[in-house]
Amino acid sequence: MKIVLLDPEHILSIDDLHRAFAGTLGFPEYYGNNLDALHDCLTDIHDDIGVIAVDTELLRQNVGPRRWKGFTRLMADLQEEKKLRYAEDPFGKE
């Protein structure tokens, strides 16, 4: 399983969030750095993918509330489609 760890120490913007996915999962150079492109790349991967978001309140602030909401909606949709596993604060809040 490939794991994408979203940690607010390293995710300071929406661009950082996209870089975390692209770097961990080896997205192509033409990756569009938006939610539609993220959806397309994630659904093209045939490996098991896990996404772990820690300290989600700070992540939401760093990324922006509207963008975080869109991101979490995408994660929920992909999890429902069995394309990945998504966990928020699996170790509790600090």
PDB file of N, CA and C in Angstrom:
ATOM      1  N   MET A   1       0.847  -1.182   0.000  1.00  0.00           N
ATOM      2  CA  MET A   1       0.000   0.000   0.000  1.00  0.00           C
ATOM      3  C   MET A   1       0.889   1.240   0.000  1.00  0.00           C
ATOM      4  N   LYS A   2       0.551   2.187  -0.834  1.00  0.00           N
ATOM      5  CA  LYS A   2       1.230   3.481  -0.844  1.00  0.00           C
ATOM      6  C   LYS A   2       0.471   4.421   0.089  1.00  0.00           C
ATOM      7  N   ILE A   3       1.222   5.105   0.954  1.00  0.00           N
ATOM      8  CA  ILE A   3       0.618   5.985   1.953  1.00  0.00           C
ATOM      9  C   ILE A   3       1.003   7.431   1.680  1.00  0.00           C
ATOM     10  N   VAL A   4       0.005   8.304   1.630  1.00  0.00           N
ATOM     11  CA  VAL A   4       0.225   9.739   1.536  1.00  0.00           C
ATOM     12  C   VAL A   4      -0.076  10.307   2.920  1.00  0.00           C
ATOM     13  N   LEU A   5       0.931  10.893   3.552  1.00  0.00           N
ATOM     14  CA  LEU A   5       0.772  11.497   4.870  1.00  0.00           C
ATOM     15  C   LEU A   5       0.634  12.999   4.708  1.00  0.00           C
ATOM     16  N   LEU A   6      -0.480  13.519   5.196  1.00  0.00           N
ATOM     17  CA  LEU A   6      -0.734  14.955   5.141  1.00  0.00           C
ATOM     18  C   LEU A   6      -0.553  15.518   6.552  1.00  0.00           C
ATOM     19  N   ASP A   7       0.560  16.186   6.747  1.00  0.00           N
ATOM     20  CA  ASP A   7       0.962  16.719   8.042  1.00  0.00           C
ATOM     21  C   ASP A   7       1.075  18.235   7.910  1.00  0.00           C
ATOM     22  N   PRO A   8       0.416  19.005   8.772  1.00  0.00           N
ATOM     23  CA  PRO A   8       0.437  20.459   8.619  1.00  0.00           C
ATOM     24  C   PRO A   8       1.823  21.085   8.791  1.00  0.00           C
ATOM     25  N   GLU A   9       2.786  20.334   9.295  1.00  0.00           N
ATOM     26  CA  GLU A   9       4.157  20.867   9.337  1.00  0.00           C
ATOM     27  C   GLU A   9       4.725  21.004   7.930  1.00  0.00           C
ATOM     28  N   HIS A  10       4.242  20.175   7.005  1.00  0.00           N
ATOM     29  CA  HIS A  10       4.739  20.182   5.636  1.00  0.00           C
ATOM     30  C   HIS A  10       3.707  20.677   4.635  1.00  0.00           C
ATOM     31  N   ILE A  11       2.446  20.670   5.012  1.00  0.00           N
ATOM     32  CA  ILE A  11       1.369  21.128   4.129  1.00  0.00           C
ATOM     33  C   ILE A  11       0.957  22.514   4.618  1.00  0.00           C
ATOM     34  N   LEU A  12       1.548  23.528   3.992  1.00  0.00           N
ATOM     35  CA  LEU A  12       1.279  24.912   4.396  1.00  0.00           C
ATOM     36  C   LEU A  12       0.361  25.638   3.418  1.00  0.00           C
ATOM     37  N   SER A  13       0.031  24.956   2.311  1.00  0.00           N
ATOM     38  CA  SER A  13      -0.819  25.558   1.279  1.00  0.00           C
ATOM     39  C   SER A  13      -1.450  24.444   0.454  1.00  0.00           C
ATOM     40  N   ILE A  14      -2.376  24.834  -0.403  1.00  0.00           N
ATOM     41  CA  ILE A  14      -2.994  23.849  -1.296  1.00  0.00           C
ATOM     42  C   ILE A  14      -1.948  23.288  -2.264  1.00  0.00           C
ATOM     43  N   ASP A  15      -0.990  24.098  -2.653  1.00  0.00           N
ATOM     44  CA  ASP A  15       0.073  23.602  -3.540  1.00  0.00           C
ATOM     45  C   ASP A  15       0.901  22.522  -2.857  1.00  0.00           C
ATOM     46  N   ASP A  16       1.175  22.699  -1.567  1.00  0.00           N
ATOM     47  CA  ASP A  16       1.908  21.674  -0.819  1.00  0.00           C
ATOM     48  C   ASP A  16       1.119  20.371  -0.761  1.00  0.00           C
ATOM     49  N   LEU A  17      -0.191  20.475  -0.612  1.00  0.00           N
ATOM     50  CA  LEU A  17      -1.032  19.280  -0.575  1.00  0.00           C
ATOM     51  C   LEU A  17      -0.898  18.513  -1.899  1.00  0.00           C
ATOM     52  N   HIS A  18      -0.981  19.229  -3.003  1.00  0.00           N
ATOM     53  CA  HIS A  18      -0.848  18.576  -4.308  1.00  0.00           C
ATOM     54  C   HIS A  18       0.554  17.992  -4.492  1.00  0.00           C
ATOM     55  N   ARG A  19       1.587  18.707  -4.024  1.00  0.00           N
ATOM     56  CA  ARG A  19       2.953  18.185  -4.122  1.00  0.00           C
ATOM     57  C   ARG A  19       3.115  16.901  -3.315  1.00  0.00           C
ATOM     58  N   ALA A  20       2.438  16.813  -2.175  1.00  0.00           N
ATOM     59  CA  ALA A  20       2.526  15.600  -1.353  1.00  0.00           C
ATOM     60  C   ALA A  20       1.986  14.396  -2.121  1.00  0.00           C
ATOM     61  N   PHE A  21       0.862  14.561  -2.783  1.00  0.00           N
ATOM     62  CA  PHE A  21       0.308  13.462  -3.583  1.00  0.00           C
ATOM     63  C   PHE A  21       1.202  13.148  -4.780  1.00  0.00           C
ATOM     64  N   ALA A  22       1.585  14.185  -5.513  1.00  0.00           N
ATOM     65  CA  ALA A  22       2.377  13.983  -6.725  1.00  0.00           C
ATOM     66  C   ALA A  22       3.715  13.321  -6.410  1.00  0.00           C
ATOM     67  N   GLY A  23       4.365  13.768  -5.349  1.00  0.00           N
ATOM     68  CA  GLY A  23       5.663  13.216  -4.992  1.00  0.00           C
ATOM     69  C   GLY A  23       5.580  11.797  -4.477  1.00  0.00           C
ATOM     70  N   THR A  24       4.625  11.532  -3.632  1.00  0.00           N
ATOM     71  CA  THR A  24       4.487  10.199  -3.040  1.00  0.00           C
ATOM     72  C   THR A  24       4.026   9.174  -4.062  1.00  0.00           C
ATOM     73  N   LEU A  25       3.113   9.571  -4.920  1.00  0.00           N
ATOM     74  CA  LEU A  25       2.507   8.607  -5.840  1.00  0.00           C
ATOM     75  C   LEU A  25       3.076   8.671  -7.251  1.00  0.00           C
ATOM     76  N   GLY A  26       4.028   9.559  -7.483  1.00  0.00           N
ATOM     77  CA  GLY A  26       4.680   9.623  -8.787  1.00  0.00           C
ATOM     78  C   GLY A  26       3.781  10.085  -9.917  1.00  0.00           C
ATOM     79  N   PHE A  27       3.014  11.140  -9.672  1.00  0.00           N
ATOM     80  CA  PHE A  27       2.151  11.669 -10.726  1.00  0.00           C
ATOM     81  C   PHE A  27       3.010  12.198 -11.880  1.00  0.00           C
ATOM     82  N   PRO A  28       2.452  12.226 -13.081  1.00  0.00           N
ATOM     83  CA  PRO A  28       3.207  12.743 -14.235  1.00  0.00           C
ATOM     84  C   PRO A  28       3.483  14.243 -14.094  1.00  0.00           C
ATOM     85  N   GLU A  29       4.472  14.722 -14.827  1.00  0.00           N
ATOM     86  CA  GLU A  29       4.849  16.137 -14.747  1.00  0.00           C
ATOM     87  C   GLU A  29       3.720  17.069 -15.150  1.00  0.00           C
ATOM     88  N   TYR A  30       2.825  16.612 -15.995  1.00  0.00           N
ATOM     89  CA  TYR A  30       1.726  17.461 -16.460  1.00  0.00           C
ATOM     90  C   TYR A  30       0.547  17.500 -15.469  1.00  0.00           C
ATOM     91  N   TYR A  31       0.715  16.889 -14.289  1.00  0.00           N
ATOM     92  CA  TYR A  31      -0.346  16.908 -13.269  1.00  0.00           C
ATOM     93  C   TYR A  31      -0.818  18.344 -13.054  1.00  0.00           C
ATOM     94  N   GLY A  32      -2.115  18.541 -13.046  1.00  0.00           N
ATOM     95  CA  GLY A  32      -2.703  19.877 -13.056  1.00  0.00           C
ATOM     96  C   GLY A  32      -2.844  20.590 -11.729  1.00  0.00           C
ATOM     97  N   ASN A  33      -2.486  19.967 -10.618  1.00  0.00           N
ATOM     98  CA  ASN A  33      -2.550  20.624  -9.305  1.00  0.00           C
ATOM     99  C   ASN A  33      -3.928  21.208  -8.994  1.00  0.00           C
ATOM    100  N   ASN A  34      -4.968  20.426  -9.272  1.00  0.00           N
ATOM    101  CA  ASN A  34      -6.325  20.801  -8.889  1.00  0.00           C
ATOM    102  C   ASN A  34      -7.074  19.511  -8.552  1.00  0.00           C
ATOM    103  N   LEU A  35      -8.266  19.654  -7.992  1.00  0.00           N
ATOM    104  CA  LEU A  35      -8.992  18.469  -7.516  1.00  0.00           C
ATOM    105  C   LEU A  35      -9.425  17.548  -8.651  1.00  0.00           C
ATOM    106  N   ASP A  36      -9.746  18.098  -9.810  1.00  0.00           N
ATOM    107  CA  ASP A  36     -10.116  17.241 -10.941  1.00  0.00           C
ATOM    108  C   ASP A  36      -8.926  16.383 -11.370  1.00  0.00           C
ATOM    109  N   ALA A  37      -7.747  17.008 -11.435  1.00  0.00           N
ATOM    110  CA  ALA A  37      -6.545  16.261 -11.808  1.00  0.00           C
ATOM    111  C   ALA A  37      -6.189  15.237 -10.731  1.00  0.00           C
ATOM    112  N   LEU A  38      -6.377  15.608  -9.467  1.00  0.00           N
ATOM    113  CA  LEU A  38      -6.117  14.671  -8.372  1.00  0.00           C
ATOM    114  C   LEU A  38      -7.033  13.462  -8.499  1.00  0.00           C
ATOM    115  N   HIS A  39      -8.297  13.692  -8.748  1.00  0.00           N
ATOM    116  CA  HIS A  39      -9.250  12.598  -8.936  1.00  0.00           C
ATOM    117  C   HIS A  39      -8.797  11.685 -10.071  1.00  0.00           C
ATOM    118  N   ASP A  40      -8.467  12.286 -11.200  1.00  0.00           N
ATOM    119  CA  ASP A  40      -8.066  11.485 -12.365  1.00  0.00           C
ATOM    120  C   ASP A  40      -6.830  10.643 -12.068  1.00  0.00           C
ATOM    121  N   CYS A  41      -5.815  11.253 -11.454  1.00  0.00           N
ATOM    122  CA  CYS A  41      -4.583  10.507 -11.166  1.00  0.00           C
ATOM    123  C   CYS A  41      -4.829   9.405 -10.137  1.00  0.00           C
ATOM    124  N   LEU A  42      -5.615   9.690  -9.123  1.00  0.00           N
ATOM    125  CA  LEU A  42      -5.875   8.676  -8.098  1.00  0.00           C
ATOM    126  C   LEU A  42      -6.671   7.502  -8.648  1.00  0.00           C
ATOM    127  N   THR A  43      -7.596   7.768  -9.547  1.00  0.00           N
ATOM    128  CA  THR A  43      -8.391   6.665 -10.098  1.00  0.00           C
ATOM    129  C   THR A  43      -7.610   5.872 -11.138  1.00  0.00           C
ATOM    130  N   ASP A  44      -6.515   6.438 -11.662  1.00  0.00           N
ATOM    131  CA  ASP A  44      -5.678   5.712 -12.616  1.00  0.00           C
ATOM    132  C   ASP A  44      -4.689   4.767 -11.947  1.00  0.00           C
ATOM    133  N   ILE A  45      -4.446   4.942 -10.648  1.00  0.00           N
ATOM    134  CA  ILE A  45      -3.486   4.107  -9.930  1.00  0.00           C
ATOM    135  C   ILE A  45      -4.153   2.793  -9.555  1.00  0.00           C
ATOM    136  N   HIS A  46      -3.444   1.697  -9.773  1.00  0.00           N
ATOM    137  CA  HIS A  46      -4.010   0.378  -9.482  1.00  0.00           C
ATOM    138  C   HIS A  46      -3.506  -0.201  -8.164  1.00  0.00           C
ATOM    139  N   ASP A  47      -2.561   0.481  -7.515  1.00  0.00           N
ATOM    140  CA  ASP A  47      -2.094   0.052  -6.200  1.00  0.00           C
ATOM    141  C   ASP A  47      -3.077   0.499  -5.133  1.00  0.00           C
ATOM    142  N   ASP A  48      -3.015  -0.159  -3.967  1.00  0.00           N
ATOM    143  CA  ASP A  48      -3.799   0.308  -2.834  1.00  0.00           C
ATOM    144  C   ASP A  48      -3.194   1.625  -2.340  1.00  0.00           C
ATOM    145  N   ILE A  49      -4.058   2.585  -2.040  1.00  0.00           N
ATOM    146  CA  ILE A  49      -3.617   3.896  -1.580  1.00  0.00           C
ATOM    147  C   ILE A  49      -4.269   4.191  -0.237  1.00  0.00           C
ATOM    148  N   GLY A  50      -3.471   4.670   0.692  1.00  0.00           N
ATOM    149  CA  GLY A  50      -3.968   5.155   1.966  1.00  0.00           C
ATOM    150  C   GLY A  50      -3.590   6.614   2.108  1.00  0.00           C
ATOM    151  N   VAL A  51      -4.529   7.421   2.583  1.00  0.00           N
ATOM    152  CA  VAL A  51      -4.268   8.842   2.824  1.00  0.00           C
ATOM    153  C   VAL A  51      -4.560   9.095   4.293  1.00  0.00           C
ATOM    154  N   ILE A  52      -3.547   9.598   4.997  1.00  0.00           N
ATOM    155  CA  ILE A  52      -3.686   9.892   6.424  1.00  0.00           C
ATOM    156  C   ILE A  52      -3.491  11.384   6.615  1.00  0.00           C
ATOM    157  N   ALA A  53      -4.491  12.037   7.173  1.00  0.00           N
ATOM    158  CA  ALA A  53      -4.425  13.461   7.482  1.00  0.00           C
ATOM    159  C   ALA A  53      -4.344  13.612   8.998  1.00  0.00           C
ATOM    160  N   VAL A  54      -3.282  14.271   9.463  1.00  0.00           N
ATOM    161  CA  VAL A  54      -3.116  14.493  10.897  1.00  0.00           C
ATOM    162  C   VAL A  54      -3.277  15.976  11.199  1.00  0.00           C
ATOM    163  N   ASP A  55      -3.812  16.256  12.383  1.00  0.00           N
ATOM    164  CA  ASP A  55      -4.088  17.632  12.822  1.00  0.00           C
ATOM    165  C   ASP A  55      -4.898  18.370  11.756  1.00  0.00           C
ATOM    166  N   THR A  56      -6.066  17.812  11.470  1.00  0.00           N
ATOM    167  CA  THR A  56      -6.866  18.298  10.352  1.00  0.00           C
ATOM    168  C   THR A  56      -7.353  19.728  10.533  1.00  0.00           C
ATOM    169  N   GLU A  57      -7.513  20.177  11.747  1.00  0.00           N
ATOM    170  CA  GLU A  57      -7.937  21.574  11.936  1.00  0.00           C
ATOM    171  C   GLU A  57      -6.863  22.521  11.405  1.00  0.00           C
ATOM    172  N   LEU A  58      -5.610  22.231  11.697  1.00  0.00           N
ATOM    173  CA  LEU A  58      -4.521  23.069  11.189  1.00  0.00           C
ATOM    174  C   LEU A  58      -4.361  22.895   9.677  1.00  0.00           C
ATOM    175  N   LEU A  59      -4.535  21.682   9.176  1.00  0.00           N
ATOM    176  CA  LEU A  59      -4.511  21.480   7.727  1.00  0.00           C
ATOM    177  C   LEU A  59      -5.583  22.323   7.046  1.00  0.00           C
ATOM    178  N   ARG A  60      -6.769  22.332   7.620  1.00  0.00           N
ATOM    179  CA  ARG A  60      -7.885  23.122   7.059  1.00  0.00           C
ATOM    180  C   ARG A  60      -7.516  24.598   7.010  1.00  0.00           C
ATOM    181  N   GLN A  61      -6.895  25.085   8.066  1.00  0.00           N
ATOM    182  CA  GLN A  61      -6.475  26.493   8.088  1.00  0.00           C
ATOM    183  C   GLN A  61      -5.398  26.757   7.032  1.00  0.00           C
ATOM    184  N   ASN A  62      -4.427  25.847   6.936  1.00  0.00           N
ATOM    185  CA  ASN A  62      -3.318  26.036   5.998  1.00  0.00           C
ATOM    186  C   ASN A  62      -3.782  26.014   4.545  1.00  0.00           C
ATOM    187  N   VAL A  63      -4.671  25.097   4.239  1.00  0.00           N
ATOM    188  CA  VAL A  63      -5.149  24.922   2.869  1.00  0.00           C
ATOM    189  C   VAL A  63      -6.252  25.925   2.534  1.00  0.00           C
ATOM    190  N   GLY A  64      -7.012  26.318   3.532  1.00  0.00           N
ATOM    191  CA  GLY A  64      -8.177  27.182   3.343  1.00  0.00           C
ATOM    192  C   GLY A  64      -9.438  26.366   3.503  1.00  0.00           C
ATOM    193  N   PRO A  65     -10.396  26.874   4.264  1.00  0.00           N
ATOM    194  CA  PRO A  65     -11.600  26.093   4.571  1.00  0.00           C
ATOM    195  C   PRO A  65     -12.362  25.598   3.341  1.00  0.00           C
ATOM    196  N   ARG A  66     -12.517  26.442   2.337  1.00  0.00           N
ATOM    197  CA  ARG A  66     -13.281  26.040   1.150  1.00  0.00           C
ATOM    198  C   ARG A  66     -12.547  24.943   0.378  1.00  0.00           C
ATOM    199  N   ARG A  67     -11.250  25.096   0.224  1.00  0.00           N
ATOM    200  CA  ARG A  67     -10.471  24.084  -0.489  1.00  0.00           C
ATOM    201  C   ARG A  67     -10.398  22.788   0.307  1.00  0.00           C
ATOM    202  N   TRP A  68     -10.275  22.888   1.631  1.00  0.00           N
ATOM    203  CA  TRP A  68     -10.229  21.680   2.456  1.00  0.00           C
ATOM    204  C   TRP A  68     -11.543  20.914   2.351  1.00  0.00           C
ATOM    205  N   LYS A  69     -12.647  21.646   2.351  1.00  0.00           N
ATOM    206  CA  LYS A  69     -13.955  20.995   2.222  1.00  0.00           C
ATOM    207  C   LYS A  69     -14.056  20.243   0.893  1.00  0.00           C
ATOM    208  N   GLY A  70     -13.611  20.867  -0.189  1.00  0.00           N
ATOM    209  CA  GLY A  70     -13.623  20.190  -1.486  1.00  0.00           C
ATOM    210  C   GLY A  70     -12.716  18.968  -1.492  1.00  0.00           C
ATOM    211  N   PHE A  71     -11.555  19.090  -0.861  1.00  0.00           N
ATOM    212  CA  PHE A  71     -10.629  17.974  -0.780  1.00  0.00           C
ATOM    213  C   PHE A  71     -11.230  16.815   0.003  1.00  0.00           C
ATOM    214  N   THR A  72     -11.805  17.097   1.172  1.00  0.00           N
ATOM    215  CA  THR A  72     -12.367  16.011   1.987  1.00  0.00           C
ATOM    216  C   THR A  72     -13.581  15.381   1.300  1.00  0.00           C
ATOM    217  N   ARG A  73     -14.324  16.155   0.553  1.00  0.00           N
ATOM    218  CA  ARG A  73     -15.442  15.594  -0.216  1.00  0.00           C
ATOM    219  C   ARG A  73     -14.904  14.628  -1.270  1.00  0.00           C
ATOM    220  N   LEU A  74     -13.817  15.009  -1.936  1.00  0.00           N
ATOM    221  CA  LEU A  74     -13.199  14.125  -2.924  1.00  0.00           C
ATOM    222  C   LEU A  74     -12.698  12.844  -2.268  1.00  0.00           C
ATOM    223  N   MET A  75     -12.061  12.959  -1.116  1.00  0.00           N
ATOM    224  CA  MET A  75     -11.562  11.773  -0.409  1.00  0.00           C
ATOM    225  C   MET A  75     -12.721  10.854  -0.037  1.00  0.00           C
ATOM    226  N   ALA A  76     -13.816  11.423   0.444  1.00  0.00           N
ATOM    227  CA  ALA A  76     -14.983  10.612   0.808  1.00  0.00           C
ATOM    228  C   ALA A  76     -15.558   9.893  -0.415  1.00  0.00           C
ATOM    229  N   ASP A  77     -15.648  10.608  -1.534  1.00  0.00           N
ATOM    230  CA  ASP A  77     -16.168   9.996  -2.762  1.00  0.00           C
ATOM    231  C   ASP A  77     -15.274   8.855  -3.228  1.00  0.00           C
ATOM    232  N   LEU A  78     -13.961   9.079  -3.219  1.00  0.00           N
ATOM    233  CA  LEU A  78     -13.033   8.033  -3.672  1.00  0.00           C
ATOM    234  C   LEU A  78     -13.015   6.845  -2.715  1.00  0.00           C
ATOM    235  N   GLN A  79     -13.188   7.126  -1.434  1.00  0.00           N
ATOM    236  CA  GLN A  79     -13.245   6.027  -0.474  1.00  0.00           C
ATOM    237  C   GLN A  79     -14.512   5.198  -0.701  1.00  0.00           C
ATOM    238  N   GLU A  80     -15.605   5.874  -0.967  1.00  0.00           N
ATOM    239  CA  GLU A  80     -16.857   5.164  -1.239  1.00  0.00           C
ATOM    240  C   GLU A  80     -16.744   4.311  -2.503  1.00  0.00           C
ATOM    241  N   GLU A  81     -15.995   4.812  -3.488  1.00  0.00           N
ATOM    242  CA  GLU A  81     -15.773   4.060  -4.730  1.00  0.00           C
ATOM    243  C   GLU A  81     -14.698   2.980  -4.556  1.00  0.00           C
ATOM    244  N   LYS A  82     -14.156   2.868  -3.340  1.00  0.00           N
ATOM    245  CA  LYS A  82     -13.114   1.882  -3.029  1.00  0.00           C
ATOM    246  C   LYS A  82     -11.816   2.128  -3.808  1.00  0.00           C
ATOM    247  N   LYS A  83     -11.525   3.400  -4.096  1.00  0.00           N
ATOM    248  CA  LYS A  83     -10.297   3.765  -4.795  1.00  0.00           C
ATOM    249  C   LYS A  83      -9.147   4.015  -3.823  1.00  0.00           C
ATOM    250  N   LEU A  84      -9.475   4.301  -2.553  1.00  0.00           N
ATOM    251  CA  LEU A  84      -8.460   4.555  -1.546  1.00  0.00           C
ATOM    252  C   LEU A  84      -9.080   4.442  -0.165  1.00  0.00           C
ATOM    253  N   ARG A  85      -8.203   4.498   0.836  1.00  0.00           N
ATOM    254  CA  ARG A  85      -8.647   4.577   2.228  1.00  0.00           C
ATOM    255  C   ARG A  85      -8.191   5.915   2.769  1.00  0.00           C
ATOM    256  N   TYR A  86      -9.086   6.608   3.456  1.00  0.00           N
ATOM    257  CA  TYR A  86      -8.798   7.940   3.967  1.00  0.00           C
ATOM    258  C   TYR A  86      -9.087   7.965   5.457  1.00  0.00           C
ATOM    259  N   ALA A  87      -8.136   8.505   6.235  1.00  0.00           N
ATOM    260  CA  ALA A  87      -8.315   8.607   7.683  1.00  0.00           C
ATOM    261  C   ALA A  87      -7.902   9.994   8.141  1.00  0.00           C
ATOM    262  N   GLU A  88      -8.759  10.603   8.948  1.00  0.00           N
ATOM    263  CA  GLU A  88      -8.452  11.901   9.561  1.00  0.00           C
ATOM    264  C   GLU A  88      -8.140  11.673  11.031  1.00  0.00           C
ATOM    265  N   ASP A  89      -7.034  12.236  11.471  1.00  0.00           N
ATOM    266  CA  ASP A  89      -6.622  12.183  12.874  1.00  0.00           C
ATOM    267  C   ASP A  89      -6.741  10.784  13.472  1.00  0.00           C
ATOM    268  N   PRO A  90      -6.143   9.771  12.840  1.00  0.00           N
ATOM    269  CA  PRO A  90      -6.284   8.394  13.334  1.00  0.00           C
ATOM    270  C   PRO A  90      -5.624   8.167  14.685  1.00  0.00           C
ATOM    271  N   PHE A  91      -4.753   9.067  15.099  1.00  0.00           N
ATOM    272  CA  PHE A  91      -4.051   8.911  16.366  1.00  0.00           C
ATOM    273  C   PHE A  91      -4.611   9.851  17.424  1.00  0.00           C
ATOM    274  N   GLY A  92      -5.748  10.461  17.150  1.00  0.00           N
ATOM    275  CA  GLY A  92      -6.348  11.417  18.067  1.00  0.00           C
ATOM    276  C   GLY A  92      -5.796  12.805  17.819  1.00  0.00           C
ATOM    277  N   LYS A  93      -6.394  13.759  18.460  1.00  0.00           N
ATOM    278  CA  LYS A  93      -5.956  15.148  18.328  1.00  0.00           C
ATOM    279  C   LYS A  93      -4.885  15.426  19.364  1.00  0.00           C
ATOM    280  N   GLU A  94      -3.908  16.233  18.936  1.00  0.00           N
ATOM    281  CA  GLU A  94      -2.807  16.559  19.866  1.00  0.00           C
ATOM    282  C   GLU A  94      -3.187  17.699  20.765  1.00  0.00           C
TER     283      GLU A  94
END
